[in-house]
Amino acid sequence: MMENSSLIAIDAFCSFHNVDISFVSSIQEQDLITIVFVEETGFIQEEKLPLLEKIVRLYKELEINPEGIGVVLHLLDRIDFLQKENQSLKRRLSRLESLEGNL
């Protein structure tokens, strides 16, 4: 069982970020976050706070609708993966080039 101290109340989060609770519910419906209920009060896990804040920024600052946020998050994850793969390949190429130069 998780401790309540690692949970953040959805209503407090929504009040702080000036978003409607229905927005957070729509994000949950898309399986982007999980809401944990304790005695009929909705919470998110503290470690998911950065993701939810990122989602709110996409929604408020870029005016991306809740349906598009999942697509944007997927594309951002894909970009991150490809950048890491690119760096790995560059390091590998550099090592191969240095080995070739020593022959």
PDB file of N, CA and C in Angstrom:
ATOM      1  N   MET A   1       0.851  -1.201   0.000  1.00  0.00           N
ATOM      2  CA  MET A   1       0.000   0.000   0.000  1.00  0.00           C
ATOM      3  C   MET A   1       0.878   1.240   0.000  1.00  0.00           C
ATOM      4  N   MET A   2       0.538   2.233  -0.795  1.00  0.00           N
ATOM      5  CA  MET A   2       1.365   3.423  -0.854  1.00  0.00           C
ATOM      6  C   MET A   2       0.959   4.412   0.234  1.00  0.00           C
ATOM      7  N   GLU A   3       1.937   5.194   0.664  1.00  0.00           N
ATOM      8  CA  GLU A   3       1.682   6.171   1.713  1.00  0.00           C
ATOM      9  C   GLU A   3       0.951   7.375   1.139  1.00  0.00           C
ATOM     10  N   ASN A   4       0.055   7.966   1.943  1.00  0.00           N
ATOM     11  CA  ASN A   4      -0.684   9.142   1.491  1.00  0.00           C
ATOM     12  C   ASN A   4       0.227  10.337   1.271  1.00  0.00           C
ATOM     13  N   SER A   5       1.401  10.370   1.928  1.00  0.00           N
ATOM     14  CA  SER A   5       2.306  11.507   1.758  1.00  0.00           C
ATOM     15  C   SER A   5       2.888  11.563   0.345  1.00  0.00           C
ATOM     16  N   SER A   6       2.846  10.436  -0.392  1.00  0.00           N
ATOM     17  CA  SER A   6       3.359  10.433  -1.753  1.00  0.00           C
ATOM     18  C   SER A   6       2.266  10.727  -2.778  1.00  0.00           C
ATOM     19  N   LEU A   7       1.117  11.173  -2.291  1.00  0.00           N
ATOM     20  CA  LEU A   7      -0.010  11.479  -3.165  1.00  0.00           C
ATOM     21  C   LEU A   7      -0.322  12.968  -3.136  1.00  0.00           C
ATOM     22  N   ILE A   8      -0.760  13.479  -4.273  1.00  0.00           N
ATOM     23  CA  ILE A   8      -1.148  14.888  -4.384  1.00  0.00           C
ATOM     24  C   ILE A   8      -2.617  14.927  -4.786  1.00  0.00           C
ATOM     25  N   ALA A   9      -3.401  15.664  -4.031  1.00  0.00           N
ATOM     26  CA  ALA A   9      -4.836  15.763  -4.306  1.00  0.00           C
ATOM     27  C   ALA A   9      -5.066  16.450  -5.649  1.00  0.00           C
ATOM     28  N   ILE A  10      -5.925  15.843  -6.456  1.00  0.00           N
ATOM     29  CA  ILE A  10      -6.238  16.390  -7.778  1.00  0.00           C
ATOM     30  C   ILE A  10      -6.865  17.776  -7.659  1.00  0.00           C
ATOM     31  N   ASP A  11      -7.767  17.957  -6.700  1.00  0.00           N
ATOM     32  CA  ASP A  11      -8.411  19.270  -6.578  1.00  0.00           C
ATOM     33  C   ASP A  11      -7.404  20.350  -6.209  1.00  0.00           C
ATOM     34  N   ALA A  12      -6.410  20.028  -5.378  1.00  0.00           N
ATOM     35  CA  ALA A  12      -5.369  21.006  -5.030  1.00  0.00           C
ATOM     36  C   ALA A  12      -4.496  21.309  -6.245  1.00  0.00           C
ATOM     37  N   PHE A  13      -4.147  20.268  -7.006  1.00  0.00           N
ATOM     38  CA  PHE A  13      -3.352  20.456  -8.216  1.00  0.00           C
ATOM     39  C   PHE A  13      -4.092  21.352  -9.201  1.00  0.00           C
ATOM     40  N   CYS A  14      -5.364  21.051  -9.421  1.00  0.00           N
ATOM     41  CA  CYS A  14      -6.167  21.821 -10.378  1.00  0.00           C
ATOM     42  C   CYS A  14      -6.322  23.269  -9.936  1.00  0.00           C
ATOM     43  N   SER A  15      -6.520  23.481  -8.663  1.00  0.00           N
ATOM     44  CA  SER A  15      -6.644  24.834  -8.137  1.00  0.00           C
ATOM     45  C   SER A  15      -5.342  25.604  -8.332  1.00  0.00           C
ATOM     46  N   PHE A  16      -4.219  24.965  -8.020  1.00  0.00           N
ATOM     47  CA  PHE A  16      -2.913  25.613  -8.144  1.00  0.00           C
ATOM     48  C   PHE A  16      -2.599  25.968  -9.593  1.00  0.00           C
ATOM     49  N   HIS A  17      -2.923  25.063 -10.520  1.00  0.00           N
ATOM     50  CA  HIS A  17      -2.595  25.260 -11.939  1.00  0.00           C
ATOM     51  C   HIS A  17      -3.738  25.884 -12.738  1.00  0.00           C
ATOM     52  N   ASN A  18      -4.837  26.193 -12.058  1.00  0.00           N
ATOM     53  CA  ASN A  18      -5.981  26.834 -12.691  1.00  0.00           C
ATOM     54  C   ASN A  18      -6.508  26.038 -13.893  1.00  0.00           C
ATOM     55  N   VAL A  19      -6.700  24.740 -13.670  1.00  0.00           N
ATOM     56  CA  VAL A  19      -7.322  23.888 -14.683  1.00  0.00           C
ATOM     57  C   VAL A  19      -8.517  23.189 -14.046  1.00  0.00           C
ATOM     58  N   ASP A  20      -9.442  22.809 -14.870  1.00  0.00           N
ATOM     59  CA  ASP A  20     -10.649  22.155 -14.383  1.00  0.00           C
ATOM     60  C   ASP A  20     -10.375  20.675 -14.108  1.00  0.00           C
ATOM     61  N   ILE A  21     -11.044  20.149 -13.113  1.00  0.00           N
ATOM     62  CA  ILE A  21     -10.877  18.733 -12.771  1.00  0.00           C
ATOM     63  C   ILE A  21     -11.277  17.845 -13.952  1.00  0.00           C
ATOM     64  N   SER A  22     -12.229  18.292 -14.755  1.00  0.00           N
ATOM     65  CA  SER A  22     -12.645  17.500 -15.922  1.00  0.00           C
ATOM     66  C   SER A  22     -11.491  17.326 -16.914  1.00  0.00           C
ATOM     67  N   PHE A  23     -10.582  18.309 -16.966  1.00  0.00           N
ATOM     68  CA  PHE A  23      -9.402  18.182 -17.832  1.00  0.00           C
ATOM     69  C   PHE A  23      -8.541  17.009 -17.371  1.00  0.00           C
ATOM     70  N   VAL A  24      -8.290  16.937 -16.067  1.00  0.00           N
ATOM     71  CA  VAL A  24      -7.476  15.846 -15.527  1.00  0.00           C
ATOM     72  C   VAL A  24      -8.182  14.508 -15.750  1.00  0.00           C
ATOM     73  N   SER A  25      -9.488  14.502 -15.613  1.00  0.00           N
ATOM     74  CA  SER A  25     -10.252  13.273 -15.871  1.00  0.00           C
ATOM     75  C   SER A  25     -10.118  12.843 -17.329  1.00  0.00           C
ATOM     76  N   SER A  26     -10.146  13.806 -18.250  1.00  0.00           N
ATOM     77  CA  SER A  26     -10.013  13.463 -19.668  1.00  0.00           C
ATOM     78  C   SER A  26      -8.620  12.923 -19.975  1.00  0.00           C
ATOM     79  N   ILE A  27      -7.614  13.427 -19.271  1.00  0.00           N
ATOM     80  CA  ILE A  27      -6.250  12.924 -19.445  1.00  0.00           C
ATOM     81  C   ILE A  27      -6.164  11.484 -18.927  1.00  0.00           C
ATOM     82  N   GLN A  28      -6.844  11.215 -17.825  1.00  0.00           N
ATOM     83  CA  GLN A  28      -6.858   9.851 -17.293  1.00  0.00           C
ATOM     84  C   GLN A  28      -7.579   8.904 -18.252  1.00  0.00           C
ATOM     85  N   GLU A  29      -8.663   9.364 -18.857  1.00  0.00           N
ATOM     86  CA  GLU A  29      -9.414   8.530 -19.800  1.00  0.00           C
ATOM     87  C   GLU A  29      -8.550   8.085 -20.976  1.00  0.00           C
ATOM     88  N   GLN A  30      -7.527   8.864 -21.291  1.00  0.00           N
ATOM     89  CA  GLN A  30      -6.606   8.522 -22.373  1.00  0.00           C
ATOM     90  C   GLN A  30      -5.422   7.706 -21.868  1.00  0.00           C
ATOM     91  N   ASP A  31      -5.462   7.316 -20.600  1.00  0.00           N
ATOM     92  CA  ASP A  31      -4.405   6.517 -19.963  1.00  0.00           C
ATOM     93  C   ASP A  31      -3.054   7.222 -19.937  1.00  0.00           C
ATOM     94  N   LEU A  32      -3.071   8.554 -19.876  1.00  0.00           N
ATOM     95  CA  LEU A  32      -1.818   9.296 -19.767  1.00  0.00           C
ATOM     96  C   LEU A  32      -1.380   9.431 -18.313  1.00  0.00           C
ATOM     97  N   ILE A  33      -2.339   9.409 -17.403  1.00  0.00           N
ATOM     98  CA  ILE A  33      -2.057   9.426 -15.970  1.00  0.00           C
ATOM     99  C   ILE A  33      -3.018   8.458 -15.295  1.00  0.00           C
ATOM    100  N   THR A  34      -2.709   8.143 -14.051  1.00  0.00           N
ATOM    101  CA  THR A  34      -3.595   7.303 -13.251  1.00  0.00           C
ATOM    102  C   THR A  34      -4.010   8.077 -12.018  1.00  0.00           C
ATOM    103  N   ILE A  35      -5.298   8.140 -11.795  1.00  0.00           N
ATOM    104  CA  ILE A  35      -5.817   8.782 -10.588  1.00  0.00           C
ATOM    105  C   ILE A  35      -6.081   7.686  -9.565  1.00  0.00           C
ATOM    106  N   VAL A  36      -5.546   7.900  -8.363  1.00  0.00           N
ATOM    107  CA  VAL A  36      -5.739   6.969  -7.254  1.00  0.00           C
ATOM    108  C   VAL A  36      -6.811   7.562  -6.356  1.00  0.00           C
ATOM    109  N   PHE A  37      -7.785   6.762  -5.984  1.00  0.00           N
ATOM    110  CA  PHE A  37      -8.853   7.256  -5.117  1.00  0.00           C
ATOM    111  C   PHE A  37      -8.679   6.718  -3.706  1.00  0.00           C
ATOM    112  N   VAL A  38      -8.724   7.646  -2.742  1.00  0.00           N
ATOM    113  CA  VAL A  38      -8.696   7.311  -1.324  1.00  0.00           C
ATOM    114  C   VAL A  38      -9.911   7.996  -0.713  1.00  0.00           C
ATOM    115  N   GLU A  39     -10.842   7.184  -0.235  1.00  0.00           N
ATOM    116  CA  GLU A  39     -12.071   7.719   0.363  1.00  0.00           C
ATOM    117  C   GLU A  39     -12.748   8.745  -0.547  1.00  0.00           C
ATOM    118  N   GLU A  40     -12.913   8.373  -1.806  1.00  0.00           N
ATOM    119  CA  GLU A  40     -13.614   9.170  -2.816  1.00  0.00           C
ATOM    120  C   GLU A  40     -12.907  10.461  -3.223  1.00  0.00           C
ATOM    121  N   THR A  41     -11.671  10.648  -2.788  1.00  0.00           N
ATOM    122  CA  THR A  41     -10.885  11.808  -3.200  1.00  0.00           C
ATOM    123  C   THR A  41      -9.828  11.331  -4.187  1.00  0.00           C
ATOM    124  N   GLY A  42      -9.708  12.048  -5.317  1.00  0.00           N
ATOM    125  CA  GLY A  42      -8.741  11.675  -6.343  1.00  0.00           C
ATOM    126  C   GLY A  42      -7.364  12.239  -6.062  1.00  0.00           C
ATOM    127  N   PHE A  43      -6.352  11.417  -6.288  1.00  0.00           N
ATOM    128  CA  PHE A  43      -4.960  11.801  -6.090  1.00  0.00           C
ATOM    129  C   PHE A  43      -4.133  11.311  -7.271  1.00  0.00           C
ATOM    130  N   ILE A  44      -2.977  11.961  -7.456  1.00  0.00           N
ATOM    131  CA  ILE A  44      -1.973  11.428  -8.373  1.00  0.00           C
ATOM    132  C   ILE A  44      -0.730  11.132  -7.552  1.00  0.00           C
ATOM    133  N   GLN A  45       0.053  10.188  -8.024  1.00  0.00           N
ATOM    134  CA  GLN A  45       1.302   9.874  -7.345  1.00  0.00           C
ATOM    135  C   GLN A  45       2.285  11.017  -7.563  1.00  0.00           C
ATOM    136  N   GLU A  46       3.032  11.329  -6.517  1.00  0.00           N
ATOM    137  CA  GLU A  46       3.953  12.459  -6.564  1.00  0.00           C
ATOM    138  C   GLU A  46       4.954  12.346  -7.710  1.00  0.00           C
ATOM    139  N   GLU A  47       5.418  11.141  -8.006  1.00  0.00           N
ATOM    140  CA  GLU A  47       6.409  10.988  -9.075  1.00  0.00           C
ATOM    141  C   GLU A  47       5.819  11.261 -10.461  1.00  0.00           C
ATOM    142  N   LYS A  48       4.498  11.301 -10.577  1.00  0.00           N
ATOM    143  CA  LYS A  48       3.840  11.617 -11.853  1.00  0.00           C
ATOM    144  C   LYS A  48       3.561  13.112 -12.008  1.00  0.00           C
ATOM    145  N   LEU A  49       3.895  13.887 -10.989  1.00  0.00           N
ATOM    146  CA  LEU A  49       3.641  15.328 -11.027  1.00  0.00           C
ATOM    147  C   LEU A  49       4.328  16.019 -12.211  1.00  0.00           C
ATOM    148  N   PRO A  50       5.618  15.748 -12.496  1.00  0.00           N
ATOM    149  CA  PRO A  50       6.239  16.407 -13.659  1.00  0.00           C
ATOM    150  C   PRO A  50       5.511  16.121 -14.972  1.00  0.00           C
ATOM    151  N   LEU A  51       5.040  14.894 -15.149  1.00  0.00           N
ATOM    152  CA  LEU A  51       4.296  14.561 -16.368  1.00  0.00           C
ATOM    153  C   LEU A  51       2.999  15.346 -16.440  1.00  0.00           C
ATOM    154  N   LEU A  52       2.267  15.397 -15.340  1.00  0.00           N
ATOM    155  CA  LEU A  52       0.997  16.124 -15.343  1.00  0.00           C
ATOM    156  C   LEU A  52       1.228  17.616 -15.563  1.00  0.00           C
ATOM    157  N   GLU A  53       2.293  18.160 -14.999  1.00  0.00           N
ATOM    158  CA  GLU A  53       2.605  19.576 -15.225  1.00  0.00           C
ATOM    159  C   GLU A  53       2.987  19.823 -16.681  1.00  0.00           C
ATOM    160  N   LYS A  54       3.695  18.891 -17.293  1.00  0.00           N
ATOM    161  CA  LYS A  54       4.037  19.004 -18.713  1.00  0.00           C
ATOM    162  C   LYS A  54       2.765  18.992 -19.557  1.00  0.00           C
ATOM    163  N   ILE A  55       1.843  18.112 -19.207  1.00  0.00           N
ATOM    164  CA  ILE A  55       0.565  18.021 -19.913  1.00  0.00           C
ATOM    165  C   ILE A  55      -0.204  19.334 -19.797  1.00  0.00           C
ATOM    166  N   VAL A  56      -0.217  19.916 -18.607  1.00  0.00           N
ATOM    167  CA  VAL A  56      -0.918  21.191 -18.399  1.00  0.00           C
ATOM    168  C   VAL A  56      -0.268  22.294 -19.230  1.00  0.00           C
ATOM    169  N   ARG A  57       1.067  22.312 -19.297  1.00  0.00           N
ATOM    170  CA  ARG A  57       1.751  23.325 -20.124  1.00  0.00           C
ATOM    171  C   ARG A  57       1.373  23.164 -21.592  1.00  0.00           C
ATOM    172  N   LEU A  58       1.353  21.936 -22.094  1.00  0.00           N
ATOM    173  CA  LEU A  58       0.956  21.706 -23.486  1.00  0.00           C
ATOM    174  C   LEU A  58      -0.461  22.209 -23.732  1.00  0.00           C
ATOM    175  N   TYR A  59      -1.318  21.965 -22.785  1.00  0.00           N
ATOM    176  CA  TYR A  59      -2.725  22.351 -22.893  1.00  0.00           C
ATOM    177  C   TYR A  59      -2.907  23.867 -22.832  1.00  0.00           C
ATOM    178  N   LYS A  60      -2.272  24.496 -21.855  1.00  0.00           N
ATOM    179  CA  LYS A  60      -2.500  25.925 -21.638  1.00  0.00           C
ATOM    180  C   LYS A  60      -1.641  26.814 -22.531  1.00  0.00           C
ATOM    181  N   GLU A  61      -0.354  26.513 -22.636  1.00  0.00           N
ATOM    182  CA  GLU A  61       0.553  27.397 -23.365  1.00  0.00           C
ATOM    183  C   GLU A  61       0.493  27.191 -24.872  1.00  0.00           C
ATOM    184  N   LEU A  62       0.336  25.952 -25.298  1.00  0.00           N
ATOM    185  CA  LEU A  62       0.305  25.662 -26.731  1.00  0.00           C
ATOM    186  C   LEU A  62      -1.099  25.394 -27.249  1.00  0.00           C
ATOM    187  N   GLU A  63      -2.075  25.413 -26.332  1.00  0.00           N
ATOM    188  CA  GLU A  63      -3.477  25.206 -26.667  1.00  0.00           C
ATOM    189  C   GLU A  63      -3.723  23.893 -27.406  1.00  0.00           C
ATOM    190  N   ILE A  64      -3.020  22.854 -26.954  1.00  0.00           N
ATOM    191  CA  ILE A  64      -3.228  21.527 -27.526  1.00  0.00           C
ATOM    192  C   ILE A  64      -4.379  20.874 -26.779  1.00  0.00           C
ATOM    193  N   ASN A  65      -5.335  20.361 -27.517  1.00  0.00           N
ATOM    194  CA  ASN A  65      -6.499  19.756 -26.863  1.00  0.00           C
ATOM    195  C   ASN A  65      -6.103  18.441 -26.194  1.00  0.00           C
ATOM    196  N   PRO A  66      -6.900  18.008 -25.227  1.00  0.00           N
ATOM    197  CA  PRO A  66      -6.558  16.776 -24.497  1.00  0.00           C
ATOM    198  C   PRO A  66      -6.332  15.568 -25.406  1.00  0.00           C
ATOM    199  N   GLU A  67      -7.078  15.484 -26.506  1.00  0.00           N
ATOM    200  CA  GLU A  67      -6.917  14.357 -27.417  1.00  0.00           C
ATOM    201  C   GLU A  67      -5.561  14.387 -28.118  1.00  0.00           C
ATOM    202  N   GLY A  68      -5.035  15.575 -28.390  1.00  0.00           N
ATOM    203  CA  GLY A  68      -3.751  15.697 -29.077  1.00  0.00           C
ATOM    204  C   GLY A  68      -2.547  15.553 -28.167  1.00  0.00           C
ATOM    205  N   ILE A  69      -2.755  15.690 -26.878  1.00  0.00           N
ATOM    206  CA  ILE A  69      -1.636  15.652 -25.939  1.00  0.00           C
ATOM    207  C   ILE A  69      -0.942  14.293 -25.952  1.00  0.00           C
ATOM    208  N   GLY A  70      -1.711  13.221 -26.036  1.00  0.00           N
ATOM    209  CA  GLY A  70      -1.106  11.885 -26.096  1.00  0.00           C
ATOM    210  C   GLY A  70      -0.198  11.730 -27.300  1.00  0.00           C
ATOM    211  N   VAL A  71      -0.627  12.255 -28.435  1.00  0.00           N
ATOM    212  CA  VAL A  71       0.174  12.194 -29.655  1.00  0.00           C
ATOM    213  C   VAL A  71       1.457  12.995 -29.475  1.00  0.00           C
ATOM    214  N   VAL A  72       1.341  14.196 -28.926  1.00  0.00           N
ATOM    215  CA  VAL A  72       2.515  15.049 -28.712  1.00  0.00           C
ATOM    216  C   VAL A  72       3.501  14.370 -27.760  1.00  0.00           C
ATOM    217  N   LEU A  73       2.999  13.798 -26.668  1.00  0.00           N
ATOM    218  CA  LEU A  73       3.885  13.118 -25.715  1.00  0.00           C
ATOM    219  C   LEU A  73       4.596  11.939 -26.372  1.00  0.00           C
ATOM    220  N   HIS A  74       3.869  11.198 -27.203  1.00  0.00           N
ATOM    221  CA  HIS A  74       4.489  10.076 -27.914  1.00  0.00           C
ATOM    222  C   HIS A  74       5.600  10.576 -28.840  1.00  0.00           C
ATOM    223  N   LEU A  75       5.328  11.643 -29.568  1.00  0.00           N
ATOM    224  CA  LEU A  75       6.337  12.186 -30.483  1.00  0.00           C
ATOM    225  C   LEU A  75       7.546  12.724 -29.726  1.00  0.00           C
ATOM    226  N   LEU A  76       7.319  13.383 -28.588  1.00  0.00           N
ATOM    227  CA  LEU A  76       8.437  13.871 -27.777  1.00  0.00           C
ATOM    228  C   LEU A  76       9.284  12.715 -27.250  1.00  0.00           C
ATOM    229  N   ASP A  77       8.633  11.635 -26.820  1.00  0.00           N
ATOM    230  CA  ASP A  77       9.374  10.447 -26.376  1.00  0.00           C
ATOM    231  C   ASP A  77      10.182   9.852 -27.520  1.00  0.00           C
ATOM    232  N   ARG A  78       9.582   9.818 -28.687  1.00  0.00           N
ATOM    233  CA  ARG A  78      10.267   9.273 -29.869  1.00  0.00           C
ATOM    234  C   ARG A  78      11.475  10.127 -30.235  1.00  0.00           C
ATOM    235  N   ILE A  79      11.330  11.442 -30.190  1.00  0.00           N
ATOM    236  CA  ILE A  79      12.452  12.345 -30.465  1.00  0.00           C
ATOM    237  C   ILE A  79      13.570  12.106 -29.466  1.00  0.00           C
ATOM    238  N   ASP A  80      13.223  11.990 -28.191  1.00  0.00           N
ATOM    239  CA  ASP A  80      14.223  11.743 -27.150  1.00  0.00           C
ATOM    240  C   ASP A  80      14.962  10.433 -27.414  1.00  0.00           C
ATOM    241  N   PHE A  81      14.219   9.383 -27.746  1.00  0.00           N
ATOM    242  CA  PHE A  81      14.835   8.093 -28.050  1.00  0.00           C
ATOM    243  C   PHE A  81      15.790   8.210 -29.237  1.00  0.00           C
ATOM    244  N   LEU A  82      15.350   8.869 -30.298  1.00  0.00           N
ATOM    245  CA  LEU A  82      16.177   9.005 -31.498  1.00  0.00           C
ATOM    246  C   LEU A  82      17.418   9.849 -31.238  1.00  0.00           C
ATOM    247  N   GLN A  83      17.307  10.880 -30.407  1.00  0.00           N
ATOM    248  CA  GLN A  83      18.474  11.687 -30.062  1.00  0.00           C
ATOM    249  C   GLN A  83      19.496  10.858 -29.290  1.00  0.00           C
ATOM    250  N   LYS A  84      19.013  10.044 -28.351  1.00  0.00           N
ATOM    251  CA  LYS A  84      19.925   9.179 -27.595  1.00  0.00           C
ATOM    252  C   LYS A  84      20.576   8.145 -28.506  1.00  0.00           C
ATOM    253  N   GLU A  85      19.795   7.575 -29.400  1.00  0.00           N
ATOM    254  CA  GLU A  85      20.339   6.605 -30.343  1.00  0.00           C
ATOM    255  C   GLU A  85      21.376   7.260 -31.247  1.00  0.00           C
ATOM    256  N   ASN A  86      21.115   8.478 -31.693  1.00  0.00           N
ATOM    257  CA  ASN A  86      22.041   9.221 -32.533  1.00  0.00           C
ATOM    258  C   ASN A  86      23.361   9.467 -31.798  1.00  0.00           C
ATOM    259  N   GLN A  87      23.284   9.884 -30.539  1.00  0.00           N
ATOM    260  CA  GLN A  87      24.497  10.113 -29.751  1.00  0.00           C
ATOM    261  C   GLN A  87      25.287   8.817 -29.584  1.00  0.00           C
ATOM    262  N   SER A  88      24.594   7.723 -29.341  1.00  0.00           N
ATOM    263  CA  SER A  88      25.250   6.423 -29.196  1.00  0.00           C
ATOM    264  C   SER A  88      25.961   6.028 -30.489  1.00  0.00           C
ATOM    265  N   LEU A  89      25.299   6.231 -31.610  1.00  0.00           N
ATOM    266  CA  LEU A  89      25.905   5.899 -32.899  1.00  0.00           C
ATOM    267  C   LEU A  89      27.097   6.798 -33.207  1.00  0.00           C
ATOM    268  N   LYS A  90      27.022   8.064 -32.827  1.00  0.00           N
ATOM    269  CA  LYS A  90      28.154   8.972 -33.027  1.00  0.00           C
ATOM    270  C   LYS A  90      29.359   8.522 -32.211  1.00  0.00           C
ATOM    271  N   ARG A  91      29.109   8.107 -30.951  1.00  0.00           N
ATOM    272  CA  ARG A  91      30.218   7.619 -30.119  1.00  0.00           C
ATOM    273  C   ARG A  91      30.822   6.350 -30.718  1.00  0.00           C
ATOM    274  N   ARG A  92      29.963   5.473 -31.202  1.00  0.00           N
ATOM    275  CA  ARG A  92      30.439   4.226 -31.805  1.00  0.00           C
ATOM    276  C   ARG A  92      31.259   4.512 -33.056  1.00  0.00           C
ATOM    277  N   LEU A  93      30.777   5.412 -33.884  1.00  0.00           N
ATOM    278  CA  LEU A  93      31.497   5.786 -35.098  1.00  0.00           C
ATOM    279  C   LEU A  93      32.846   6.402 -34.753  1.00  0.00           C
ATOM    280  N   SER A  94      32.861   7.252 -33.751  1.00  0.00           N
ATOM    281  CA  SER A  94      34.110   7.889 -33.326  1.00  0.00           C
ATOM    282  C   SER A  94      35.126   6.841 -32.868  1.00  0.00           C
ATOM    283  N   ARG A  95      34.663   5.847 -32.100  1.00  0.00           N
ATOM    284  CA  ARG A  95      35.570   4.779 -31.648  1.00  0.00           C
ATOM    285  C   ARG A  95      36.097   3.979 -32.837  1.00  0.00           C
ATOM    286  N   LEU A  96      35.220   3.669 -33.787  1.00  0.00           N
ATOM    287  CA  LEU A  96      35.646   2.918 -34.967  1.00  0.00           C
ATOM    288  C   LEU A  96      36.645   3.714 -35.797  1.00  0.00           C
ATOM    289  N   GLU A  97      36.399   5.016 -35.926  1.00  0.00           N
ATOM    290  CA  GLU A  97      37.324   5.860 -36.685  1.00  0.00           C
ATOM    291  C   GLU A  97      38.676   5.946 -35.995  1.00  0.00           C
ATOM    292  N   SER A  98      38.676   6.010 -34.667  1.00  0.00           N
ATOM    293  CA  SER A  98      39.958   6.079 -33.956  1.00  0.00           C
ATOM    294  C   SER A  98      40.691   4.742 -34.044  1.00  0.00           C
ATOM    295  N   LEU A  99      39.968   3.622 -34.040  1.00  0.00           N
ATOM    296  CA  LEU A  99      40.606   2.316 -34.222  1.00  0.00           C
ATOM    297  C   LEU A  99      41.185   2.194 -35.622  1.00  0.00           C
ATOM    298  N   GLU A 100      40.451   2.689 -36.604  1.00  0.00           N
ATOM    299  CA  GLU A 100      40.902   2.639 -37.989  1.00  0.00           C
ATOM    300  C   GLU A 100      42.166   3.472 -38.172  1.00  0.00           C
ATOM    301  N   GLY A 101      42.234   4.595 -37.475  1.00  0.00           N
ATOM    302  CA  GLY A 101      43.404   5.460 -37.562  1.00  0.00           C
ATOM    303  C   GLY A 101      44.637   4.844 -36.939  1.00  0.00           C
ATOM    304  N   ASN A 102      44.456   3.897 -36.035  1.00  0.00           N
ATOM    305  CA  ASN A 102      45.583   3.243 -35.368  1.00  0.00           C
ATOM    306  C   ASN A 102      46.117   2.048 -36.152  1.00  0.00           C
ATOM    307  N   LEU A 103      45.454   1.686 -37.242  1.00  0.00           N
ATOM    308  CA  LEU A 103      45.904   0.526 -38.027  1.00  0.00           C
ATOM    309  C   LEU A 103      47.025   0.862 -38.950  1.00  0.00           C
TER     310      LEU A 103
END
